[in-house]
Amino acid sequence: MRPKVGNATVAAILAVATSVSAHATEIAGLHPDRRSASAPVITSYSKDSAWYAEALKGIEQPYPASLRFLEDQANWFTPFKHPGAEGPYDIRGWYQSETP
């Protein structure tokens, strides 16, 4: 036996769908192989000394050559700049409290 859907429920669903489609200019995922012409474009991204200090926190000099990827890092997310797991897995000391 199929459950009955009331007219009020159908009307509410249609109202929400119409409201959303009236405001949406593009739907992500329809053409994943193409970037929309109206999508924002980052033309430049500068990294100052504070950015490098955060990215290299907990790493002693001389920095290994494997960190050269930071030179090419632009304005996208990288887990390398964010604290990971706590406790014995915190090898870079992100969670250590600073004591004077």
C-alpha atoms as a PDB file:
ATOM      1  CA  MET A   1       0.000   0.000   0.000  1.00  0.00           C
ATOM      2  CA  ARG A   2       1.465   3.353  -1.026  1.00  0.00           C
ATOM      3  CA  PRO A   3       1.384   6.250   1.420  1.00  0.00           C
ATOM      4  CA  LYS A   4      -0.823   9.145   0.395  1.00  0.00           C
ATOM      5  CA  VAL A   5       0.805  12.478  -0.218  1.00  0.00           C
ATOM      6  CA  GLY A   6      -1.401  15.427   0.546  1.00  0.00           C
ATOM      7  CA  ASN A   7      -1.907  18.351  -1.802  1.00  0.00           C
ATOM      8  CA  ALA A   8      -0.334  20.682   0.748  1.00  0.00           C
ATOM      9  CA  THR A   9       2.877  18.602   0.757  1.00  0.00           C
ATOM     10  CA  VAL A  10       3.096  18.618  -3.033  1.00  0.00           C
ATOM     11  CA  ALA A  11       2.430  22.366  -3.120  1.00  0.00           C
ATOM     12  CA  ALA A  12       5.171  22.994  -0.539  1.00  0.00           C
ATOM     13  CA  ILE A  13       7.705  20.941  -2.485  1.00  0.00           C
ATOM     14  CA  LEU A  14       6.860  22.723  -5.726  1.00  0.00           C
ATOM     15  CA  ALA A  15       7.085  26.130  -4.047  1.00  0.00           C
ATOM     16  CA  VAL A  16      10.560  25.403  -2.700  1.00  0.00           C
ATOM     17  CA  ALA A  17      11.767  23.983  -6.015  1.00  0.00           C
ATOM     18  CA  THR A  18      10.442  27.002  -7.913  1.00  0.00           C
ATOM     19  CA  SER A  19      12.004  29.406  -5.412  1.00  0.00           C
ATOM     20  CA  VAL A  20      15.410  27.740  -5.624  1.00  0.00           C
ATOM     21  CA  SER A  21      15.438  27.522  -9.414  1.00  0.00           C
ATOM     22  CA  ALA A  22      14.452  31.181  -9.732  1.00  0.00           C
ATOM     23  CA  HIS A  23      17.586  32.264  -7.819  1.00  0.00           C
ATOM     24  CA  ALA A  24      20.111  29.723  -9.062  1.00  0.00           C
ATOM     25  CA  THR A  25      22.059  30.865 -12.109  1.00  0.00           C
ATOM     26  CA  GLU A  26      24.139  27.721 -12.438  1.00  0.00           C
ATOM     27  CA  ILE A  27      24.068  24.190 -11.131  1.00  0.00           C
ATOM     28  CA  ALA A  28      27.392  22.649 -10.270  1.00  0.00           C
ATOM     29  CA  GLY A  29      28.064  19.246 -11.714  1.00  0.00           C
ATOM     30  CA  LEU A  30      26.170  19.412 -14.986  1.00  0.00           C
ATOM     31  CA  HIS A  31      29.406  19.764 -16.949  1.00  0.00           C
ATOM     32  CA  PRO A  32      32.243  18.731 -14.618  1.00  0.00           C
ATOM     33  CA  ASP A  33      34.732  18.856 -17.484  1.00  0.00           C
ATOM     34  CA  ARG A  34      34.123  22.593 -18.079  1.00  0.00           C
ATOM     35  CA  ARG A  35      34.519  25.722 -16.003  1.00  0.00           C
ATOM     36  CA  SER A  36      31.728  28.240 -16.299  1.00  0.00           C
ATOM     37  CA  ALA A  37      32.655  31.457 -18.104  1.00  0.00           C
ATOM     38  CA  SER A  38      31.119  33.457 -15.254  1.00  0.00           C
ATOM     39  CA  ALA A  39      33.071  31.628 -12.528  1.00  0.00           C
ATOM     40  CA  PRO A  40      35.485  33.806 -10.537  1.00  0.00           C
ATOM     41  CA  VAL A  41      39.143  33.561 -11.448  1.00  0.00           C
ATOM     42  CA  ILE A  42      42.069  34.153  -9.098  1.00  0.00           C
ATOM     43  CA  THR A  43      44.696  35.991 -11.095  1.00  0.00           C
ATOM     44  CA  SER A  44      47.367  36.346  -8.416  1.00  0.00           C
ATOM     45  CA  TYR A  45      48.098  35.144  -4.910  1.00  0.00           C
ATOM     46  CA  SER A  46      50.952  36.441  -2.818  1.00  0.00           C
ATOM     47  CA  LYS A  47      52.350  34.639   0.197  1.00  0.00           C
ATOM     48  CA  ASP A  48      53.954  36.816   2.843  1.00  0.00           C
ATOM     49  CA  SER A  49      56.311  35.793   5.631  1.00  0.00           C
ATOM     50  CA  ALA A  50      53.359  35.086   7.970  1.00  0.00           C
ATOM     51  CA  TRP A  51      51.977  32.569   5.456  1.00  0.00           C
ATOM     52  CA  TYR A  52      55.329  30.759   5.292  1.00  0.00           C
ATOM     53  CA  ALA A  53      55.709  30.877   9.085  1.00  0.00           C
ATOM     54  CA  GLU A  54      52.342  29.154   9.499  1.00  0.00           C
ATOM     55  CA  ALA A  55      53.052  26.605   6.769  1.00  0.00           C
ATOM     56  CA  LEU A  56      56.459  25.730   8.213  1.00  0.00           C
ATOM     57  CA  LYS A  57      55.432  25.699  11.874  1.00  0.00           C
ATOM     58  CA  GLY A  58      57.086  22.839  13.728  1.00  0.00           C
ATOM     59  CA  ILE A  59      59.636  22.122  10.999  1.00  0.00           C
ATOM     60  CA  GLU A  60      63.275  22.827  11.749  1.00  0.00           C
ATOM     61  CA  GLN A  61      65.751  24.355   9.345  1.00  0.00           C
ATOM     62  CA  PRO A  62      67.285  23.409   7.026  1.00  0.00           C
ATOM     63  CA  TYR A  63      63.961  22.729   5.354  1.00  0.00           C
ATOM     64  CA  PRO A  64      63.901  19.545   3.280  1.00  0.00           C
ATOM     65  CA  ALA A  65      63.690  19.842  -0.505  1.00  0.00           C
ATOM     66  CA  SER A  66      60.377  17.997  -0.383  1.00  0.00           C
ATOM     67  CA  LEU A  67      58.776  21.207   0.934  1.00  0.00           C
ATOM     68  CA  ARG A  68      59.480  23.065  -2.299  1.00  0.00           C
ATOM     69  CA  PHE A  69      55.850  22.405  -3.227  1.00  0.00           C
ATOM     70  CA  LEU A  70      55.005  25.363  -0.970  1.00  0.00           C
ATOM     71  CA  GLU A  71      56.469  27.667  -3.617  1.00  0.00           C
ATOM     72  CA  ASP A  72      53.761  26.523  -6.028  1.00  0.00           C
ATOM     73  CA  GLN A  73      50.973  26.483  -3.439  1.00  0.00           C
ATOM     74  CA  ALA A  74      48.304  28.988  -4.414  1.00  0.00           C
ATOM     75  CA  ASN A  75      44.941  29.906  -2.927  1.00  0.00           C
ATOM     76  CA  TRP A  76      43.526  26.399  -2.547  1.00  0.00           C
ATOM     77  CA  PHE A  77      43.121  24.245   0.532  1.00  0.00           C
ATOM     78  CA  THR A  78      46.051  22.200   1.714  1.00  0.00           C
ATOM     79  CA  PRO A  79      45.953  20.092   4.869  1.00  0.00           C
ATOM     80  CA  PHE A  80      49.653  20.834   5.327  1.00  0.00           C
ATOM     81  CA  LYS A  81      48.826  24.264   6.792  1.00  0.00           C
ATOM     82  CA  HIS A  82      46.269  23.015   9.324  1.00  0.00           C
ATOM     83  CA  PRO A  83      46.672  21.032  12.531  1.00  0.00           C
ATOM     84  CA  GLY A  84      45.986  17.350  12.247  1.00  0.00           C
ATOM     85  CA  ALA A  85      45.508  14.744  14.943  1.00  0.00           C
ATOM     86  CA  GLU A  86      46.379  15.442  18.554  1.00  0.00           C
ATOM     87  CA  GLY A  87      48.487  13.507  21.022  1.00  0.00           C
ATOM     88  CA  PRO A  88      51.318  11.317  19.826  1.00  0.00           C
ATOM     89  CA  TYR A  89      50.414  12.094  16.202  1.00  0.00           C
ATOM     90  CA  ASP A  90      51.128  15.822  16.633  1.00  0.00           C
ATOM     91  CA  ILE A  91      54.681  15.595  15.322  1.00  0.00           C
ATOM     92  CA  ARG A  92      54.805  19.308  14.402  1.00  0.00           C
ATOM     93  CA  GLY A  93      53.679  20.541  17.821  1.00  0.00           C
ATOM     94  CA  TRP A  94      50.519  22.356  16.705  1.00  0.00           C
ATOM     95  CA  TYR A  95      48.718  21.506  19.944  1.00  0.00           C
ATOM     96  CA  GLN A  96      51.537  22.198  22.381  1.00  0.00           C
ATOM     97  CA  SER A  97      50.716  25.029  24.717  1.00  0.00           C
ATOM     98  CA  GLU A  98      53.289  27.776  24.699  1.00  0.00           C
ATOM     99  CA  THR A  99      54.802  28.302  28.138  1.00  0.00           C
ATOM    100  CA  PRO A 100      57.043  31.259  28.896  1.00  0.00           C
END
